[in-house]
């Protein structure tokens, strides 16, 4: 029997899924998310993937640390044990996350060895059990990020069956990376580029499952692409590496162009908005490079960008480096001749 897939989380976080920044290991930590929030007040941000074992068995609740200013923000979990995922989801909800997302797309060897990530595309019944258990443990919306298939699977057959099974388990929102994951023969890096993108398949899934909230992920590099997918009928678009490496360009215009609110945020304004946050981080015993490593691409494509990157990458990890160094790097950008 089909289970009601209506939204259980708040309307704000589902609206924010119109444009989201992908969960990226070693990249989308709390400092990265705080930077991205200076560029867009509307976009949905995701944590790095946190394993259910780390939270439940390892007690690593520090991995859930975040600032209230980051919201709307979602927690992505990795795992395949329904009971453990349910407990981890409850921990995440108690920490303040309004969405709990299950990773069914990561192709790394480490993830495969733990029987979660993309390998779960081969075990839809297990994923359905996990979703059911998680939904029973939290009021926050439980969502899934998946691939179109793995290895020799036929995506035309596998993906609709996967979506239908999870819809019946109560999942109403999916982000679909429009590539297969080749678990045998390709590295995680190669899996981000080599398997061909199949956007038409994702669009056909929206036609087939109009009741589901579907976002597309993979290969999206601009807001123009994002708008095209939204105009074609998809509910959301998730941008990954482009948002990280060129946040000023990709995220600075999100609010007016995708959400119809606010105005374009300039990279310099975002950088200056980070200064009080950096000062507080340093006062708490943090290191400058922990924050500024995520800011290196902020001025990509404009005069002074090379100086900005050089100053921060070479000197931010030195003892005593602080806000003054960021201001020096900003001065190098603003003083650079245009044209």
Protein backbone atom coordinates (compact mmCIF):
# COMPACT_ATOMS: atom_id res chain seq x y z
CA UNK A 1 0.00 0.00 0.00
CA UNK A 2 1.26 3.44 -0.89
CA UNK A 3 2.22 5.64 2.04
CA UNK A 4 1.39 9.34 2.19
CA UNK A 5 4.36 11.29 0.86
CA UNK A 6 3.28 14.70 1.97
CA UNK A 7 5.86 17.07 3.39
CA UNK A 8 6.67 16.50 7.04
CA UNK A 9 9.34 19.18 7.38
CA UNK A 10 8.88 22.93 7.25
CA UNK A 11 7.81 24.68 4.07
CA UNK A 12 10.89 26.93 4.16
CA UNK A 13 13.38 24.13 3.67
CA UNK A 14 11.38 22.56 0.84
CA UNK A 15 11.11 25.92 -0.88
CA UNK A 16 14.86 26.36 -0.46
CA UNK A 17 15.42 23.08 -2.35
CA UNK A 18 14.65 25.00 -5.54
CA UNK A 19 18.41 25.63 -5.57
CA UNK A 20 20.77 23.73 -3.28
CA UNK A 21 24.50 23.31 -2.80
CA UNK A 22 25.56 19.66 -2.86
CA UNK A 23 27.02 17.85 0.13
CA UNK A 24 30.74 17.48 -0.65
CA UNK A 25 33.18 15.59 1.53
CA UNK A 26 36.00 17.73 2.97
CA UNK A 27 34.42 20.84 1.46
CA UNK A 28 30.95 21.73 2.76
CA UNK A 29 31.87 22.03 6.42
CA UNK A 30 30.37 24.69 8.67
CA UNK A 31 32.83 27.39 7.55
CA UNK A 32 32.07 26.76 3.89
CA UNK A 33 28.34 26.86 4.57
CA UNK A 34 28.65 30.14 6.47
CA UNK A 35 30.41 31.67 3.45
CA UNK A 36 27.76 30.38 1.08
CA UNK A 37 25.07 31.82 3.30
CA UNK A 38 26.60 35.29 2.92
CA UNK A 39 26.03 34.94 -0.83
CA UNK A 40 22.50 33.54 -0.69
CA UNK A 41 19.91 33.82 2.04
CA UNK A 42 17.60 31.39 0.23
CA UNK A 43 19.55 28.40 -1.13
CA UNK A 44 19.44 25.09 0.72
CA UNK A 45 22.84 24.07 2.11
CA UNK A 46 23.96 20.54 3.00
CA UNK A 47 26.48 19.17 5.43
CA UNK A 48 29.20 16.82 4.37
CA UNK A 49 28.03 13.22 4.61
CA UNK A 50 28.11 12.04 8.24
CA UNK A 51 27.90 8.30 8.84
CA UNK A 52 25.27 6.96 11.18
CA UNK A 53 27.97 4.88 12.86
CA UNK A 54 30.01 7.99 13.67
CA UNK A 55 27.06 9.52 15.50
CA UNK A 56 25.54 6.47 17.15
CA UNK A 57 28.57 4.32 17.90
CA UNK A 58 31.31 6.93 17.80
CA UNK A 59 29.51 9.71 19.64
CA UNK A 60 30.90 12.23 17.15
CA UNK A 61 28.14 14.77 17.66
CA UNK A 62 30.66 17.57 17.06
CA UNK A 63 30.24 16.75 13.37
CA UNK A 64 26.78 18.30 13.62
CA UNK A 65 28.03 21.67 14.87
CA UNK A 66 26.66 24.55 12.86
CA UNK A 67 25.61 28.15 13.23
CA UNK A 68 21.94 29.19 13.31
CA UNK A 69 22.79 31.61 10.51
CA UNK A 70 23.41 28.68 8.15
CA UNK A 71 19.72 27.77 7.94
CA UNK A 72 18.06 26.47 5.85
CA UNK A 73 20.55 23.60 6.19
CA UNK A 74 20.14 19.83 5.82
CA UNK A 75 22.07 16.92 7.30
CA UNK A 76 23.20 14.15 4.98
CA UNK A 77 23.64 10.72 6.55
CA UNK A 78 25.39 7.63 5.24
CA UNK A 79 24.50 4.16 6.41
CA UNK A 80 22.42 1.07 5.71
CA UNK A 81 21.20 -0.12 9.10
CA UNK A 82 17.61 1.10 9.59
CA UNK A 83 17.78 1.21 13.38
CA UNK A 84 21.09 3.02 13.47
CA UNK A 85 19.98 5.49 10.81
CA UNK A 86 16.80 6.18 12.75
CA UNK A 87 18.83 6.94 15.85
CA UNK A 88 21.26 9.12 13.87
CA UNK A 89 18.36 10.99 12.27
CA UNK A 90 16.92 11.73 15.71
CA UNK A 91 20.31 13.03 16.87
CA UNK A 92 20.47 15.24 13.78
CA UNK A 93 16.98 16.61 14.28
CA UNK A 94 17.76 17.36 17.93
CA UNK A 95 20.83 19.27 16.73
CA UNK A 96 18.57 21.54 14.70
CA UNK A 97 18.55 20.16 11.16
CA UNK A 98 15.27 20.53 9.30
CA UNK A 99 15.95 17.85 6.71
CA UNK A 100 17.65 14.46 6.99
CA UNK A 101 19.02 13.22 3.67
CA UNK A 102 20.13 9.65 2.99
CA UNK A 103 23.16 9.19 0.73
CA UNK A 104 22.51 6.61 -1.99
CA UNK A 105 24.97 8.06 -4.47
CA UNK A 106 28.53 8.15 -3.15
CA UNK A 107 30.76 5.70 -5.08
CA UNK A 108 33.88 5.69 -2.89
CA UNK A 109 35.54 2.40 -1.93
CA UNK A 110 35.21 3.24 1.76
CA UNK A 111 31.48 3.79 1.41
CA UNK A 112 31.02 0.58 -0.57
CA UNK A 113 32.86 -1.39 2.09
CA UNK A 114 30.34 -0.10 4.61
CA UNK A 115 27.47 -1.12 2.30
CA UNK A 116 26.06 2.34 1.82
CA UNK A 117 26.18 5.09 -0.75
CA UNK A 118 25.66 4.21 -4.42
CA UNK A 119 25.87 0.46 -3.81
CA UNK A 120 22.44 0.75 -2.19
CA UNK A 121 20.96 1.37 -5.66
CA UNK A 122 21.20 -2.43 -5.88
CA UNK A 123 19.25 -2.84 -2.62
CA UNK A 124 16.09 -0.73 -2.89
CA UNK A 125 14.29 -2.82 -0.26
CA UNK A 126 17.02 -1.97 2.26
CA UNK A 127 16.77 1.72 1.38
CA UNK A 128 12.99 1.57 1.82
CA UNK A 129 13.43 0.03 5.27
CA UNK A 130 15.91 2.77 6.17
CA UNK A 131 13.55 5.52 5.02
CA UNK A 132 10.65 3.99 6.96
CA UNK A 133 12.73 3.77 10.13
CA UNK A 134 14.06 7.31 9.79
CA UNK A 135 10.61 8.77 9.16
CA UNK A 136 9.37 7.03 12.26
CA UNK A 137 12.07 8.67 14.33
CA UNK A 138 11.84 12.32 13.23
CA UNK A 139 9.38 15.02 12.24
CA UNK A 140 11.91 16.52 9.81
CA UNK A 141 11.50 15.56 6.17
CA UNK A 142 13.53 12.50 5.15
CA UNK A 143 14.92 12.75 1.62
CA UNK A 144 17.18 10.69 -0.63
CA UNK A 145 20.06 11.61 -2.93
CA UNK A 146 20.73 8.88 -5.49
CA UNK A 147 22.24 8.02 -8.87
CA UNK A 148 20.30 6.83 -11.93
CA UNK A 149 21.85 3.39 -11.46
CA UNK A 150 25.14 1.56 -10.96
CA UNK A 151 27.36 -0.64 -13.09
CA UNK A 152 25.34 -2.77 -15.56
CA UNK A 153 21.93 -1.71 -14.29
CA UNK A 154 19.52 -0.30 -16.87
CA UNK A 155 18.55 3.13 -15.52
CA UNK A 156 15.32 3.16 -17.55
CA UNK A 157 14.13 0.19 -15.51
CA UNK A 158 15.99 0.64 -12.22
CA UNK A 159 15.33 4.32 -11.48
CA UNK A 160 11.52 4.31 -11.72
CA UNK A 161 11.33 1.14 -9.64
CA UNK A 162 13.64 2.71 -7.04
CA UNK A 163 11.57 5.91 -6.86
CA UNK A 164 8.30 4.00 -6.64
CA UNK A 165 9.52 1.80 -3.79
CA UNK A 166 10.76 4.76 -1.79
CA UNK A 167 7.64 6.77 -2.51
CA UNK A 168 5.66 3.90 -1.02
CA UNK A 169 7.98 4.04 2.01
CA UNK A 170 7.06 7.70 2.47
CA UNK A 171 9.88 9.60 0.75
CA UNK A 172 8.52 12.48 -1.26
CA UNK A 173 11.70 14.34 -2.24
CA UNK A 174 14.71 13.12 -4.19
CA UNK A 175 17.87 14.61 -5.65
CA UNK A 176 19.01 12.58 -8.64
CA UNK A 177 22.62 12.71 -9.82
CA UNK A 178 22.00 12.18 -13.54
CA UNK A 179 24.91 9.76 -13.98
CA UNK A 180 25.44 6.11 -13.30
CA UNK A 181 28.06 5.21 -10.72
CA UNK A 182 30.54 2.60 -11.90
CA UNK A 183 31.55 0.86 -8.71
CA UNK A 184 33.91 -1.43 -10.60
CA UNK A 185 36.61 0.24 -12.66
CA UNK A 186 36.23 3.96 -11.94
CA UNK A 187 37.55 6.03 -9.05
CA UNK A 188 35.24 8.39 -7.13
CA UNK A 189 36.76 11.32 -9.04
CA UNK A 190 36.20 9.59 -12.39
CA UNK A 191 32.63 8.83 -11.36
CA UNK A 192 31.98 12.57 -11.20
CA UNK A 193 32.90 13.09 -14.85
CA UNK A 194 33.20 9.96 -17.00
CA UNK A 195 29.74 8.34 -16.89
CA UNK A 196 27.56 10.32 -19.30
CA UNK A 197 24.86 12.59 -17.98
CA UNK A 198 21.27 11.62 -18.75
CA UNK A 199 19.20 14.67 -17.97
CA UNK A 200 16.27 13.55 -20.17
CA UNK A 201 15.81 10.50 -17.94
CA UNK A 202 15.45 12.70 -14.87
CA UNK A 203 12.91 14.87 -16.70
CA UNK A 204 10.96 11.76 -17.67
CA UNK A 205 10.89 10.73 -14.02
CA UNK A 206 9.16 14.03 -13.19
CA UNK A 207 6.56 13.28 -15.85
CA UNK A 208 6.09 9.77 -14.47
CA UNK A 209 5.99 10.82 -10.81
CA UNK A 210 4.40 14.30 -10.76
CA UNK A 211 3.68 13.96 -7.04
CA UNK A 212 7.38 13.70 -6.16
CA UNK A 213 9.66 16.67 -5.58
CA UNK A 214 12.62 15.97 -7.88
CA UNK A 215 15.89 17.88 -8.11
CA UNK A 216 18.62 17.24 -10.66
CA UNK A 217 22.33 17.13 -9.83
CA UNK A 218 25.47 16.58 -11.86
CA UNK A 219 27.27 18.85 -14.32
CA UNK A 220 25.31 22.00 -13.50
CA UNK A 221 27.67 24.97 -13.60
CA UNK A 222 25.51 28.07 -13.96
CA UNK A 223 22.29 29.68 -12.87
CA UNK A 224 21.20 29.77 -16.52
CA UNK A 225 21.34 25.96 -16.56
CA UNK A 226 19.47 25.84 -13.28
CA UNK A 227 16.71 28.10 -14.59
CA UNK A 228 16.36 25.94 -17.70
CA UNK A 229 15.79 22.81 -15.60
CA UNK A 230 13.23 24.61 -13.43
CA UNK A 231 11.43 25.92 -16.50
CA UNK A 232 11.40 22.36 -17.90
CA UNK A 233 9.37 21.25 -14.89
CA UNK A 234 11.84 20.02 -12.30
CA UNK A 235 11.30 21.15 -8.73
CA UNK A 236 14.91 21.87 -7.86
CA UNK A 237 18.54 21.94 -8.97
CA UNK A 238 21.59 21.00 -6.93
CA UNK A 239 24.96 22.53 -7.83
CA UNK A 240 28.21 21.05 -6.55
CA UNK A 241 31.76 21.87 -7.56
CA UNK A 242 30.89 25.03 -9.49
CA UNK A 243 29.32 26.53 -6.37
CA UNK A 244 32.45 25.71 -4.38
CA UNK A 245 35.12 26.81 -6.84
CA UNK A 246 33.33 29.95 -8.08
CA UNK A 247 30.88 30.87 -5.32
CA UNK A 248 30.86 34.57 -6.12
CA UNK A 249 29.53 33.98 -9.62
CA UNK A 250 27.31 30.97 -8.99
CA UNK A 251 25.77 31.83 -5.63
CA UNK A 252 25.88 35.61 -5.57
CA UNK A 253 22.92 35.89 -7.95
CA UNK A 254 20.84 32.97 -6.65
CA UNK A 255 18.32 34.93 -4.63
CA UNK A 256 17.09 37.34 -7.33
CA UNK A 257 17.52 34.94 -10.26
CA UNK A 258 16.13 31.72 -8.80
CA UNK A 259 13.97 32.82 -5.86
CA UNK A 260 12.91 36.29 -6.98
CA UNK A 261 14.06 37.89 -3.74
CA UNK A 262 16.82 40.26 -2.63
CA UNK A 263 19.61 41.40 -4.87
CA UNK A 264 22.92 40.18 -6.27
CA UNK A 265 25.58 39.89 -3.57
CA UNK A 266 29.04 40.97 -4.67
CA UNK A 267 32.02 38.81 -3.73
CA UNK A 268 33.69 41.66 -1.87
CA UNK A 269 30.60 42.19 0.28
CA UNK A 270 30.52 38.48 1.12
CA UNK A 271 34.21 38.52 2.04
CA UNK A 272 33.73 41.50 4.34
CA UNK A 273 30.70 39.83 5.94
CA UNK A 274 33.00 36.94 6.84
CA UNK A 275 35.39 39.10 8.89
CA UNK A 276 33.42 39.09 12.18
CA UNK A 277 32.88 35.34 11.82
CA UNK A 278 36.61 34.83 11.25
CA UNK A 279 37.45 36.97 14.27
CA UNK A 280 35.10 34.92 16.46
CA UNK A 281 36.56 31.67 15.11
CA UNK A 282 40.08 32.81 15.93
CA UNK A 283 39.01 34.01 19.39
CA UNK A 284 37.62 30.52 20.04
CA UNK A 285 41.00 28.98 19.22
CA UNK A 286 40.44 28.19 15.54
CA UNK A 287 42.90 28.70 12.70
CA UNK A 288 42.51 31.18 9.87
CA UNK A 289 43.11 28.68 7.07
CA UNK A 290 40.20 26.54 8.33
CA UNK A 291 37.90 29.28 7.06
CA UNK A 292 39.84 30.91 4.24
CA UNK A 293 40.52 27.66 2.36
CA UNK A 294 36.87 27.82 1.34
CA UNK A 295 37.18 31.44 0.20
CA UNK A 296 39.97 30.99 -2.36
CA UNK A 297 37.61 30.91 -5.34
CA UNK A 298 35.52 33.88 -4.25
CA UNK A 299 36.95 36.25 -6.88
CA UNK A 300 37.42 33.73 -9.70
CA UNK A 301 37.56 35.42 -13.08
CA UNK A 302 38.11 38.97 -11.90
CA UNK A 303 41.24 41.13 -11.63
CA UNK A 304 43.19 40.49 -8.45
CA UNK A 305 41.90 36.93 -8.02
CA UNK A 306 45.38 35.45 -8.31
CA UNK A 307 46.77 37.76 -5.62
CA UNK A 308 43.82 36.95 -3.37
CA UNK A 309 44.46 33.23 -3.71
CA UNK A 310 48.20 33.55 -3.32
CA UNK A 311 48.07 35.66 -0.16
CA UNK A 312 45.57 33.39 1.56
CA UNK A 313 46.91 30.03 0.40
CA UNK A 314 50.53 30.86 1.26
CA UNK A 315 50.08 32.73 4.53
CA UNK A 316 46.77 31.83 6.20
CA UNK A 317 48.24 28.76 7.88
CA UNK A 318 51.16 30.67 9.43
CA UNK A 319 51.17 31.26 13.18
CA UNK A 320 49.42 34.47 14.11
CA UNK A 321 47.57 34.86 10.80
CA UNK A 322 44.34 36.72 11.37
CA UNK A 323 41.72 39.08 10.03
CA UNK A 324 44.38 41.57 8.91
CA UNK A 325 45.62 39.06 6.34
CA UNK A 326 42.15 38.76 4.81
CA UNK A 327 41.92 42.53 4.67
CA UNK A 328 45.32 42.64 2.94
CA UNK A 329 44.11 40.09 0.38
CA UNK A 330 40.94 42.13 -0.16
CA UNK A 331 42.97 45.25 -0.76
CA UNK A 332 44.95 43.39 -3.43
CA UNK A 333 41.68 42.60 -5.21
CA UNK A 334 40.16 46.06 -4.97
CA UNK A 335 43.42 47.71 -6.06
CA UNK A 336 43.82 45.49 -9.13
CA UNK A 337 43.38 47.37 -12.43
CA UNK A 338 40.25 46.50 -14.41
CA UNK A 339 40.64 45.67 -18.08
